[in-house]
């Protein structure tokens, strides 16, 4: 993949690739020698500590993350740790990645559309702070997911709707079952309808 990215970026008239490294640890020494304007960091899964360490060693270089992770919470933490732009695998045309690198070098920031949509949904869902219990011990996010379950969505469908990973949805569903005392999806729906019909769940 590194060879493909190097070839792609070198094809742009405003980009000169000064090096590529297999990992962040090797990049630290290379950064001291080459002093790039932009670092393209391919990382999946997202590791906030690695992003923060790279930002610390970047010597003023701006960071573009290339990742397959689309979970808003993880992406928000990566941006807070020092990333200036974030591009999702499969969400750009080859030439667009080079344009993102150039724009980032000029002081701009770029986020792939799914990242923007996910972050907006995440922020509006008020999960930047600790989830607050609502109704029968469910958090606001769990209530949102339970309503989608009641609407017939699968875990994959919920993940796509909320721009989070399917694994995160499964974790929430497990917590919902536990809080509602449900054994399965159908039981959870029945318990949820009982709770809401009694007016015990609200936002």
C-alpha atoms as a PDB file:
ATOM      1  CA  UNK A   1       0.000   0.000   0.000  1.00  0.00           C
ATOM      2  CA  UNK A   2       2.873   2.385   0.761  1.00  0.00           C
ATOM      3  CA  UNK A   3       4.204   1.983  -2.779  1.00  0.00           C
ATOM      4  CA  UNK A   4       0.756   2.698  -4.206  1.00  0.00           C
ATOM      5  CA  UNK A   5       0.335   5.826  -2.083  1.00  0.00           C
ATOM      6  CA  UNK A   6       3.818   7.071  -2.984  1.00  0.00           C
ATOM      7  CA  UNK A   7       3.088   6.636  -6.688  1.00  0.00           C
ATOM      8  CA  UNK A   8      -0.297   8.317  -6.342  1.00  0.00           C
ATOM      9  CA  UNK A   9       1.051  11.322  -4.465  1.00  0.00           C
ATOM     10  CA  UNK A  10       4.148  11.772  -6.608  1.00  0.00           C
ATOM     11  CA  UNK A  11       1.899  12.086  -9.652  1.00  0.00           C
ATOM     12  CA  UNK A  12       0.592  15.394  -8.287  1.00  0.00           C
ATOM     13  CA  UNK A  13       2.659  18.400  -9.453  1.00  0.00           C
ATOM     14  CA  UNK A  14       2.546  20.093  -6.041  1.00  0.00           C
ATOM     15  CA  UNK A  15       3.644  17.078  -3.990  1.00  0.00           C
ATOM     16  CA  UNK A  16       7.125  15.755  -3.409  1.00  0.00           C
ATOM     17  CA  UNK A  17       7.185  12.570  -1.328  1.00  0.00           C
ATOM     18  CA  UNK A  18      10.275  12.769   0.863  1.00  0.00           C
ATOM     19  CA  UNK A  19       9.921   9.371   2.521  1.00  0.00           C
ATOM     20  CA  UNK A  20       7.701   6.558   3.716  1.00  0.00           C
ATOM     21  CA  UNK A  21       7.973   4.561   6.895  1.00  0.00           C
ATOM     22  CA  UNK A  22       6.372   1.274   8.017  1.00  0.00           C
ATOM     23  CA  UNK A  23       5.284   2.640  11.396  1.00  0.00           C
ATOM     24  CA  UNK A  24       5.164   5.692  13.623  1.00  0.00           C
ATOM     25  CA  UNK A  25       8.238   4.728  15.617  1.00  0.00           C
ATOM     26  CA  UNK A  26      10.401   4.708  12.489  1.00  0.00           C
ATOM     27  CA  UNK A  27       8.827   7.967  11.348  1.00  0.00           C
ATOM     28  CA  UNK A  28      10.081   9.909  14.381  1.00  0.00           C
ATOM     29  CA  UNK A  29      13.713   9.776  13.232  1.00  0.00           C
ATOM     30  CA  UNK A  30      12.780  10.396   9.593  1.00  0.00           C
ATOM     31  CA  UNK A  31      10.817  13.530  10.517  1.00  0.00           C
ATOM     32  CA  UNK A  32      13.892  15.082  12.090  1.00  0.00           C
ATOM     33  CA  UNK A  33      15.794  14.617   8.820  1.00  0.00           C
ATOM     34  CA  UNK A  34      13.172  15.456   6.185  1.00  0.00           C
ATOM     35  CA  UNK A  35      10.931  18.099   7.887  1.00  0.00           C
ATOM     36  CA  UNK A  36       7.832  17.480   5.701  1.00  0.00           C
ATOM     37  CA  UNK A  37       4.890  19.874   5.454  1.00  0.00           C
ATOM     38  CA  UNK A  38       2.343  17.050   5.700  1.00  0.00           C
ATOM     39  CA  UNK A  39       2.359  13.532   7.159  1.00  0.00           C
ATOM     40  CA  UNK A  40      -0.042  10.991   5.649  1.00  0.00           C
ATOM     41  CA  UNK A  41      -0.641   8.472   8.414  1.00  0.00           C
ATOM     42  CA  UNK A  42      -2.466   5.248   7.502  1.00  0.00           C
ATOM     43  CA  UNK A  43      -3.822   3.743  10.714  1.00  0.00           C
ATOM     44  CA  UNK A  44      -6.509   1.143  11.448  1.00  0.00           C
ATOM     45  CA  UNK A  45      -7.705   0.638  14.085  1.00  0.00           C
ATOM     46  CA  UNK A  46      -7.329   4.183  15.348  1.00  0.00           C
ATOM     47  CA  UNK A  47      -4.912   4.534  18.242  1.00  0.00           C
ATOM     48  CA  UNK A  48      -5.192   7.950  19.863  1.00  0.00           C
ATOM     49  CA  UNK A  49      -1.869   7.551  21.672  1.00  0.00           C
ATOM     50  CA  UNK A  50      -0.063   6.910  18.378  1.00  0.00           C
ATOM     51  CA  UNK A  51      -1.718   9.934  16.762  1.00  0.00           C
ATOM     52  CA  UNK A  52      -0.756  12.083  19.745  1.00  0.00           C
ATOM     53  CA  UNK A  53       2.836  10.801  19.665  1.00  0.00           C
ATOM     54  CA  UNK A  54       3.090  11.553  15.950  1.00  0.00           C
ATOM     55  CA  UNK A  55       1.712  15.059  16.473  1.00  0.00           C
ATOM     56  CA  UNK A  56       4.306  15.600  19.190  1.00  0.00           C
ATOM     57  CA  UNK A  57       7.133  14.537  16.852  1.00  0.00           C
ATOM     58  CA  UNK A  58       5.732  16.237  13.753  1.00  0.00           C
ATOM     59  CA  UNK A  59       7.856  19.396  14.103  1.00  0.00           C
ATOM     60  CA  UNK A  60       5.104  21.588  12.685  1.00  0.00           C
ATOM     61  CA  UNK A  61       3.971  19.170   9.964  1.00  0.00           C
ATOM     62  CA  UNK A  62       0.215  18.771   9.550  1.00  0.00           C
ATOM     63  CA  UNK A  63      -1.310  15.297   9.787  1.00  0.00           C
ATOM     64  CA  UNK A  64      -3.702  13.583   7.400  1.00  0.00           C
ATOM     65  CA  UNK A  65      -5.184  10.337   8.715  1.00  0.00           C
ATOM     66  CA  UNK A  66      -6.113   7.573   6.292  1.00  0.00           C
ATOM     67  CA  UNK A  67      -8.254   5.004   8.076  1.00  0.00           C
ATOM     68  CA  UNK A  68     -11.013   2.442   7.703  1.00  0.00           C
ATOM     69  CA  UNK A  69     -12.468   3.361  11.104  1.00  0.00           C
ATOM     70  CA  UNK A  70     -15.728   5.311  10.811  1.00  0.00           C
ATOM     71  CA  UNK A  71     -16.756   5.427  14.475  1.00  0.00           C
ATOM     72  CA  UNK A  72     -17.409   9.086  15.426  1.00  0.00           C
ATOM     73  CA  UNK A  73     -16.048   8.791  18.974  1.00  0.00           C
ATOM     74  CA  UNK A  74     -12.727   7.363  17.789  1.00  0.00           C
ATOM     75  CA  UNK A  75     -12.422   9.912  14.979  1.00  0.00           C
ATOM     76  CA  UNK A  76     -13.201  12.802  17.312  1.00  0.00           C
ATOM     77  CA  UNK A  77     -10.496  11.648  19.723  1.00  0.00           C
ATOM     78  CA  UNK A  78      -8.018  11.327  16.834  1.00  0.00           C
ATOM     79  CA  UNK A  79      -8.709  14.897  15.708  1.00  0.00           C
ATOM     80  CA  UNK A  80      -8.369  16.120  19.289  1.00  0.00           C
ATOM     81  CA  UNK A  81      -5.044  14.256  19.507  1.00  0.00           C
ATOM     82  CA  UNK A  82      -3.592  16.234  16.601  1.00  0.00           C
ATOM     83  CA  UNK A  83      -4.966  15.114  13.221  1.00  0.00           C
ATOM     84  CA  UNK A  84      -5.833  17.949  10.835  1.00  0.00           C
ATOM     85  CA  UNK A  85      -7.638  15.930   8.148  1.00  0.00           C
ATOM     86  CA  UNK A  86      -9.220  12.490   8.052  1.00  0.00           C
ATOM     87  CA  UNK A  87      -9.986  10.400   4.968  1.00  0.00           C
ATOM     88  CA  UNK A  88     -11.829   7.081   5.026  1.00  0.00           C
ATOM     89  CA  UNK A  89     -10.739   4.167   2.871  1.00  0.00           C
ATOM     90  CA  UNK A  90     -13.184   3.659   0.015  1.00  0.00           C
ATOM     91  CA  UNK A  91     -14.599   7.186   0.325  1.00  0.00           C
ATOM     92  CA  UNK A  92     -12.357   9.015  -2.151  1.00  0.00           C
ATOM     93  CA  UNK A  93     -11.127   8.884  -5.712  1.00  0.00           C
ATOM     94  CA  UNK A  94      -7.351   8.451  -6.201  1.00  0.00           C
ATOM     95  CA  UNK A  95      -6.784  12.060  -7.214  1.00  0.00           C
ATOM     96  CA  UNK A  96      -8.801  13.384  -4.301  1.00  0.00           C
ATOM     97  CA  UNK A  97      -6.350  12.090  -1.708  1.00  0.00           C
ATOM     98  CA  UNK A  98      -3.563  14.160  -3.250  1.00  0.00           C
ATOM     99  CA  UNK A  99      -5.803  17.228  -3.197  1.00  0.00           C
ATOM    100  CA  UNK A 100      -6.498  16.643   0.498  1.00  0.00           C
ATOM    101  CA  UNK A 101      -2.754  16.510   1.189  1.00  0.00           C
ATOM    102  CA  UNK A 102      -2.185  19.781  -0.707  1.00  0.00           C
ATOM    103  CA  UNK A 103      -5.114  21.515   1.010  1.00  0.00           C
ATOM    104  CA  UNK A 104      -3.919  20.352   4.424  1.00  0.00           C
ATOM    105  CA  UNK A 105      -0.432  21.692   3.676  1.00  0.00           C
ATOM    106  CA  UNK A 106      -2.055  25.068   2.944  1.00  0.00           C
ATOM    107  CA  UNK A 107      -3.639  25.167   6.397  1.00  0.00           C
ATOM    108  CA  UNK A 108      -7.036  23.729   5.564  1.00  0.00           C
ATOM    109  CA  UNK A 109      -8.695  20.688   7.107  1.00  0.00           C
ATOM    110  CA  UNK A 110     -10.706  17.974   5.409  1.00  0.00           C
ATOM    111  CA  UNK A 111     -13.029  15.282   6.704  1.00  0.00           C
ATOM    112  CA  UNK A 112     -14.674  12.634   4.525  1.00  0.00           C
ATOM    113  CA  UNK A 113     -18.453  13.075   4.288  1.00  0.00           C
ATOM    114  CA  UNK A 114     -19.229   9.995   6.441  1.00  0.00           C
ATOM    115  CA  UNK A 115     -16.894  11.390   9.100  1.00  0.00           C
ATOM    116  CA  UNK A 116     -18.674  14.760   9.106  1.00  0.00           C
ATOM    117  CA  UNK A 117     -22.122  13.142   9.211  1.00  0.00           C
ATOM    118  CA  UNK A 118     -21.071  10.798  11.977  1.00  0.00           C
ATOM    119  CA  UNK A 119     -19.518  13.517  14.101  1.00  0.00           C
ATOM    120  CA  UNK A 120     -22.587  15.737  13.762  1.00  0.00           C
ATOM    121  CA  UNK A 121     -24.875  12.864  14.766  1.00  0.00           C
ATOM    122  CA  UNK A 122     -22.543  11.978  17.619  1.00  0.00           C
ATOM    123  CA  UNK A 123     -22.340  15.538  18.940  1.00  0.00           C
ATOM    124  CA  UNK A 124     -26.083  16.082  18.638  1.00  0.00           C
ATOM    125  CA  UNK A 125     -26.584  12.794  20.459  1.00  0.00           C
ATOM    126  CA  UNK A 126     -24.802  14.384  23.429  1.00  0.00           C
ATOM    127  CA  UNK A 127     -22.317  11.563  23.904  1.00  0.00           C
ATOM    128  CA  UNK A 128     -19.262  13.779  24.268  1.00  0.00           C
ATOM    129  CA  UNK A 129     -20.070  13.773  27.947  1.00  0.00           C
ATOM    130  CA  UNK A 130     -20.722  10.700  30.056  1.00  0.00           C
ATOM    131  CA  UNK A 131     -23.967   9.045  28.931  1.00  0.00           C
ATOM    132  CA  UNK A 132     -26.791   9.999  31.235  1.00  0.00           C
ATOM    133  CA  UNK A 133     -29.307   7.405  32.388  1.00  0.00           C
ATOM    134  CA  UNK A 134     -32.804   7.866  30.985  1.00  0.00           C
ATOM    135  CA  UNK A 135     -35.987   6.029  31.871  1.00  0.00           C
ATOM    136  CA  UNK A 136     -35.377   2.417  32.985  1.00  0.00           C
ATOM    137  CA  UNK A 137     -31.618   2.891  33.291  1.00  0.00           C
ATOM    138  CA  UNK A 138     -31.047   3.287  29.533  1.00  0.00           C
ATOM    139  CA  UNK A 139     -28.780   6.032  28.274  1.00  0.00           C
ATOM    140  CA  UNK A 140     -29.977   8.436  25.563  1.00  0.00           C
ATOM    141  CA  UNK A 141     -27.933   6.498  22.982  1.00  0.00           C
ATOM    142  CA  UNK A 142     -29.447   3.190  24.098  1.00  0.00           C
ATOM    143  CA  UNK A 143     -32.931   4.641  23.792  1.00  0.00           C
ATOM    144  CA  UNK A 144     -32.073   5.812  20.269  1.00  0.00           C
ATOM    145  CA  UNK A 145     -30.877   2.306  19.371  1.00  0.00           C
ATOM    146  CA  UNK A 146     -33.883   0.653  21.038  1.00  0.00           C
ATOM    147  CA  UNK A 147     -36.242   2.781  18.963  1.00  0.00           C
ATOM    148  CA  UNK A 148     -34.444   1.674  15.810  1.00  0.00           C
ATOM    149  CA  UNK A 149     -34.648  -1.963  16.921  1.00  0.00           C
ATOM    150  CA  UNK A 150     -38.377  -1.515  17.446  1.00  0.00           C
ATOM    151  CA  UNK A 151     -38.533  -0.050  13.947  1.00  0.00           C
ATOM    152  CA  UNK A 152     -37.165  -3.305  12.555  1.00  0.00           C
ATOM    153  CA  UNK A 153     -33.548  -2.326  11.841  1.00  0.00           C
ATOM    154  CA  UNK A 154     -30.787  -4.920  12.086  1.00  0.00           C
ATOM    155  CA  UNK A 155     -27.525  -4.201  13.913  1.00  0.00           C
ATOM    156  CA  UNK A 156     -25.925  -3.454  10.546  1.00  0.00           C
ATOM    157  CA  UNK A 157     -28.762  -1.105   9.640  1.00  0.00           C
ATOM    158  CA  UNK A 158     -28.458   0.692  12.983  1.00  0.00           C
ATOM    159  CA  UNK A 159     -24.698   1.036  12.523  1.00  0.00           C
ATOM    160  CA  UNK A 160     -25.213   2.590   9.092  1.00  0.00           C
ATOM    161  CA  UNK A 161     -27.921   4.927  10.378  1.00  0.00           C
ATOM    162  CA  UNK A 162     -25.878   6.181  13.341  1.00  0.00           C
ATOM    163  CA  UNK A 163     -22.461   6.072  11.650  1.00  0.00           C
ATOM    164  CA  UNK A 164     -20.959   3.787  14.265  1.00  0.00           C
ATOM    165  CA  UNK A 165     -19.440   0.323  14.014  1.00  0.00           C
ATOM    166  CA  UNK A 166     -21.582  -2.803  14.153  1.00  0.00           C
ATOM    167  CA  UNK A 167     -19.508  -3.953  17.119  1.00  0.00           C
ATOM    168  CA  UNK A 168     -20.481  -0.800  19.018  1.00  0.00           C
ATOM    169  CA  UNK A 169     -24.127  -1.467  18.231  1.00  0.00           C
ATOM    170  CA  UNK A 170     -23.799  -5.032  19.538  1.00  0.00           C
ATOM    171  CA  UNK A 171     -22.272  -3.704  22.769  1.00  0.00           C
ATOM    172  CA  UNK A 172     -25.192  -1.300  23.210  1.00  0.00           C
ATOM    173  CA  UNK A 173     -27.716  -4.047  22.435  1.00  0.00           C
ATOM    174  CA  UNK A 174     -26.131  -6.310  25.052  1.00  0.00           C
ATOM    175  CA  UNK A 175     -26.397  -3.499  27.593  1.00  0.00           C
ATOM    176  CA  UNK A 176     -30.018  -2.865  26.617  1.00  0.00           C
ATOM    177  CA  UNK A 177     -30.923  -6.522  27.116  1.00  0.00           C
ATOM    178  CA  UNK A 178     -29.294  -6.466  30.539  1.00  0.00           C
ATOM    179  CA  UNK A 179     -31.013  -3.251  31.624  1.00  0.00           C
ATOM    180  CA  UNK A 180     -34.433  -4.364  30.371  1.00  0.00           C
ATOM    181  CA  UNK A 181     -34.058  -7.899  31.682  1.00  0.00           C
ATOM    182  CA  UNK A 182     -34.588  -9.223  28.158  1.00  0.00           C
ATOM    183  CA  UNK A 183     -33.379 -12.527  26.773  1.00  0.00           C
ATOM    184  CA  UNK A 184     -33.467 -11.668  23.067  1.00  0.00           C
ATOM    185  CA  UNK A 185     -34.513  -9.025  20.542  1.00  0.00           C
ATOM    186  CA  UNK A 186     -38.195  -9.880  20.569  1.00  0.00           C
ATOM    187  CA  UNK A 187     -38.292  -9.927  24.366  1.00  0.00           C
ATOM    188  CA  UNK A 188     -36.489  -6.561  24.478  1.00  0.00           C
ATOM    189  CA  UNK A 189     -39.078  -5.045  22.118  1.00  0.00           C
ATOM    190  CA  UNK A 190     -41.932  -6.298  24.308  1.00  0.00           C
ATOM    191  CA  UNK A 191     -40.234  -5.012  27.473  1.00  0.00           C
ATOM    192  CA  UNK A 192     -39.542  -1.664  25.785  1.00  0.00           C
ATOM    193  CA  UNK A 193     -43.171  -1.274  24.741  1.00  0.00           C
ATOM    194  CA  UNK A 194     -44.300  -2.075  28.268  1.00  0.00           C
ATOM    195  CA  UNK A 195     -41.938   0.537  29.682  1.00  0.00           C
ATOM    196  CA  UNK A 196     -42.830   3.282  27.204  1.00  0.00           C
ATOM    197  CA  UNK A 197     -46.558   2.630  27.450  1.00  0.00           C
ATOM    198  CA  UNK A 198     -46.261   3.294  31.182  1.00  0.00           C
ATOM    199  CA  UNK A 199     -44.539   6.597  30.479  1.00  0.00           C
ATOM    200  CA  UNK A 200     -41.331   5.615  32.236  1.00  0.00           C
ATOM    201  CA  UNK A 201     -38.938   6.376  29.371  1.00  0.00           C
ATOM    202  CA  UNK A 202     -38.402   9.894  28.197  1.00  0.00           C
ATOM    203  CA  UNK A 203     -35.666  12.155  26.832  1.00  0.00           C
END
